[in-house]
């Protein structure tokens, strides 16, 4: 796999800001003609640097603006328990992020629901009933200061 040069990095930076930019406009911004620009984009896709294109949706309009972060401690720290929990939590649509972490708990979840009552229902019906879960701690977001999926490209 070829190392990224400054042009590749500029392409990635522009595309993560505007994934719908036309190849002609992208080429103009990086001072390249359209054909080599398109070849670079296709190589970046083929080599796995670009893994997809998606729309950014409005949580307010789609009734999922209530954000909760949750620490989860599991009953036992075994490979099988971790695998079962990961499989079950991945099937819950309201859980938009799940990270296994080191430290004082096992997983950190980011959950999006319409309201506190919807979160409580989710807890009672889906999360607290998982057999692997020993304990949870929830933190409710009062203000979303920064929410970005953009990666730092150096």
Protein backbone atom coordinates (compact mmCIF):
# COMPACT_ATOMS: atom_id res chain seq x y z
CA UNK A 1 0.00 0.00 0.00
CA UNK A 2 1.34 3.39 -1.03
CA UNK A 3 1.97 5.95 1.75
CA UNK A 4 -0.26 9.01 1.79
CA UNK A 5 1.23 12.17 0.35
CA UNK A 6 0.03 15.73 0.96
CA UNK A 7 -2.41 15.61 -1.97
CA UNK A 8 -4.02 12.40 -0.65
CA UNK A 9 -4.35 14.00 2.78
CA UNK A 10 -5.96 17.11 1.28
CA UNK A 11 -8.41 14.91 -0.65
CA UNK A 12 -9.36 13.07 2.55
CA UNK A 13 -9.75 16.32 4.46
CA UNK A 14 -12.03 17.84 1.82
CA UNK A 15 -14.11 14.68 1.36
CA UNK A 16 -14.78 14.23 5.07
CA UNK A 17 -16.12 17.78 5.13
CA UNK A 18 -18.08 17.49 1.87
CA UNK A 19 -18.57 13.92 0.66
CA UNK A 20 -20.84 15.13 -2.14
CA UNK A 21 -18.30 17.44 -3.77
CA UNK A 22 -17.98 16.82 -7.49
CA UNK A 23 -14.73 15.40 -8.78
CA UNK A 24 -14.23 18.54 -10.90
CA UNK A 25 -14.57 20.81 -7.84
CA UNK A 26 -12.36 18.54 -5.74
CA UNK A 27 -9.70 18.52 -8.45
CA UNK A 28 -9.79 22.32 -8.64
CA UNK A 29 -9.34 22.65 -4.87
CA UNK A 30 -6.25 20.45 -4.88
CA UNK A 31 -4.82 21.87 -8.13
CA UNK A 32 -5.03 18.60 -10.05
CA UNK A 33 -6.85 17.70 -13.25
CA UNK A 34 -10.04 15.64 -12.82
CA UNK A 35 -8.73 12.29 -14.13
CA UNK A 36 -5.76 11.93 -11.74
CA UNK A 37 -7.92 13.27 -8.92
CA UNK A 38 -10.53 10.57 -9.54
CA UNK A 39 -7.80 7.93 -9.73
CA UNK A 40 -6.51 9.03 -6.32
CA UNK A 41 -10.00 8.94 -4.79
CA UNK A 42 -10.59 5.44 -6.17
CA UNK A 43 -7.20 4.30 -4.79
CA UNK A 44 -8.05 5.77 -1.39
CA UNK A 45 -11.35 3.87 -1.47
CA UNK A 46 -9.71 0.63 -2.66
CA UNK A 47 -6.96 0.87 -0.01
CA UNK A 48 -9.53 1.36 2.76
CA UNK A 49 -8.80 4.97 3.71
CA UNK A 50 -12.32 5.92 2.59
CA UNK A 51 -14.76 3.38 3.99
CA UNK A 52 -18.05 4.97 2.96
CA UNK A 53 -20.15 8.04 2.30
CA UNK A 54 -23.19 8.95 4.35
CA UNK A 55 -25.67 11.72 5.06
CA UNK A 56 -25.57 13.63 8.34
CA UNK A 57 -29.07 13.49 9.82
CA UNK A 58 -30.83 15.80 12.27
CA UNK A 59 -31.40 14.13 15.67
CA UNK A 60 -34.00 16.80 16.53
CA UNK A 61 -36.11 16.13 13.44
CA UNK A 62 -35.83 12.35 13.91
CA UNK A 63 -36.80 12.31 17.62
CA UNK A 64 -33.49 11.05 18.98
CA UNK A 65 -31.90 14.18 20.44
CA UNK A 66 -31.80 12.96 24.06
CA UNK A 67 -28.25 11.68 24.62
CA UNK A 68 -27.11 9.45 27.46
CA UNK A 69 -23.64 8.09 28.11
CA UNK A 70 -23.56 4.91 30.12
CA UNK A 71 -20.83 2.99 31.91
CA UNK A 72 -21.48 -0.75 31.92
CA UNK A 73 -19.84 -3.28 34.23
CA UNK A 74 -20.25 -6.93 33.29
CA UNK A 75 -20.75 -9.85 35.68
CA UNK A 76 -17.57 -11.64 34.59
CA UNK A 77 -14.56 -10.56 32.55
CA UNK A 78 -14.32 -13.52 30.19
CA UNK A 79 -14.01 -13.63 26.43
CA UNK A 80 -17.36 -15.38 26.11
CA UNK A 81 -19.18 -12.80 28.27
CA UNK A 82 -17.62 -9.92 26.33
CA UNK A 83 -18.62 -11.53 23.02
CA UNK A 84 -22.22 -12.17 24.12
CA UNK A 85 -22.61 -8.62 25.44
CA UNK A 86 -21.15 -7.11 22.25
CA UNK A 87 -23.50 -9.19 20.09
CA UNK A 88 -26.57 -8.24 22.12
CA UNK A 89 -25.76 -4.54 22.48
CA UNK A 90 -25.06 -4.23 18.73
CA UNK A 91 -28.68 -5.25 18.09
CA UNK A 92 -30.09 -2.30 20.06
CA UNK A 93 -30.65 0.55 17.60
CA UNK A 94 -30.69 3.29 20.23
CA UNK A 95 -27.10 2.42 21.17
CA UNK A 96 -25.21 4.46 18.58
CA UNK A 97 -21.73 3.81 19.99
CA UNK A 98 -20.28 1.06 22.16
CA UNK A 99 -16.66 1.01 23.25
CA UNK A 100 -14.84 -1.57 25.35
CA UNK A 101 -12.62 0.44 27.67
CA UNK A 102 -9.92 -0.08 30.24
CA UNK A 103 -10.33 1.38 33.70
CA UNK A 104 -13.12 1.33 36.23
CA UNK A 105 -15.79 -0.21 33.98
CA UNK A 106 -16.02 -2.47 30.92
CA UNK A 107 -17.99 -0.56 28.26
CA UNK A 108 -18.98 3.01 27.45
CA UNK A 109 -22.22 3.40 25.51
CA UNK A 110 -23.65 6.42 23.72
CA UNK A 111 -27.42 6.14 23.55
CA UNK A 112 -29.90 8.32 21.63
CA UNK A 113 -33.60 8.40 22.48
CA UNK A 114 -36.44 10.90 22.15
CA UNK A 115 -36.78 11.58 25.87
CA UNK A 116 -35.92 10.56 29.42
CA UNK A 117 -39.00 8.34 29.55
CA UNK A 118 -37.93 6.59 26.36
CA UNK A 119 -34.48 6.08 27.86
CA UNK A 120 -36.03 4.59 31.02
CA UNK A 121 -38.10 2.20 28.91
CA UNK A 122 -35.01 1.18 26.95
CA UNK A 123 -33.14 0.53 30.20
CA UNK A 124 -35.95 -1.53 31.69
CA UNK A 125 -36.74 -3.54 28.58
CA UNK A 126 -33.42 -4.03 26.82
CA UNK A 127 -30.23 -3.05 28.64
CA UNK A 128 -30.69 -3.89 32.32
CA UNK A 129 -32.20 -7.25 31.36
CA UNK A 130 -29.07 -8.41 29.54
CA UNK A 131 -27.72 -11.34 31.56
CA UNK A 132 -24.10 -10.16 31.32
CA UNK A 133 -24.78 -6.73 32.89
CA UNK A 134 -23.86 -6.37 36.56
CA UNK A 135 -24.10 -2.58 36.95
CA UNK A 136 -24.67 0.60 34.95
CA UNK A 137 -24.15 4.31 35.53
CA UNK A 138 -25.89 6.83 33.29
CA UNK A 139 -24.93 10.41 32.43
CA UNK A 140 -27.46 12.64 30.68
CA UNK A 141 -26.20 15.25 28.22
CA UNK A 142 -27.39 18.76 29.01
CA UNK A 143 -25.66 20.42 26.05
CA UNK A 144 -23.83 18.93 23.11
CA UNK A 145 -20.78 21.17 22.79
CA UNK A 146 -19.01 19.33 19.98
CA UNK A 147 -20.09 16.37 17.87
CA UNK A 148 -17.78 15.54 15.01
CA UNK A 149 -16.95 12.40 13.09
CA UNK A 150 -14.05 14.12 11.34
CA UNK A 151 -10.64 12.57 11.88
CA UNK A 152 -7.46 14.56 12.39
CA UNK A 153 -5.44 14.11 9.20
CA UNK A 154 -1.76 14.94 9.68
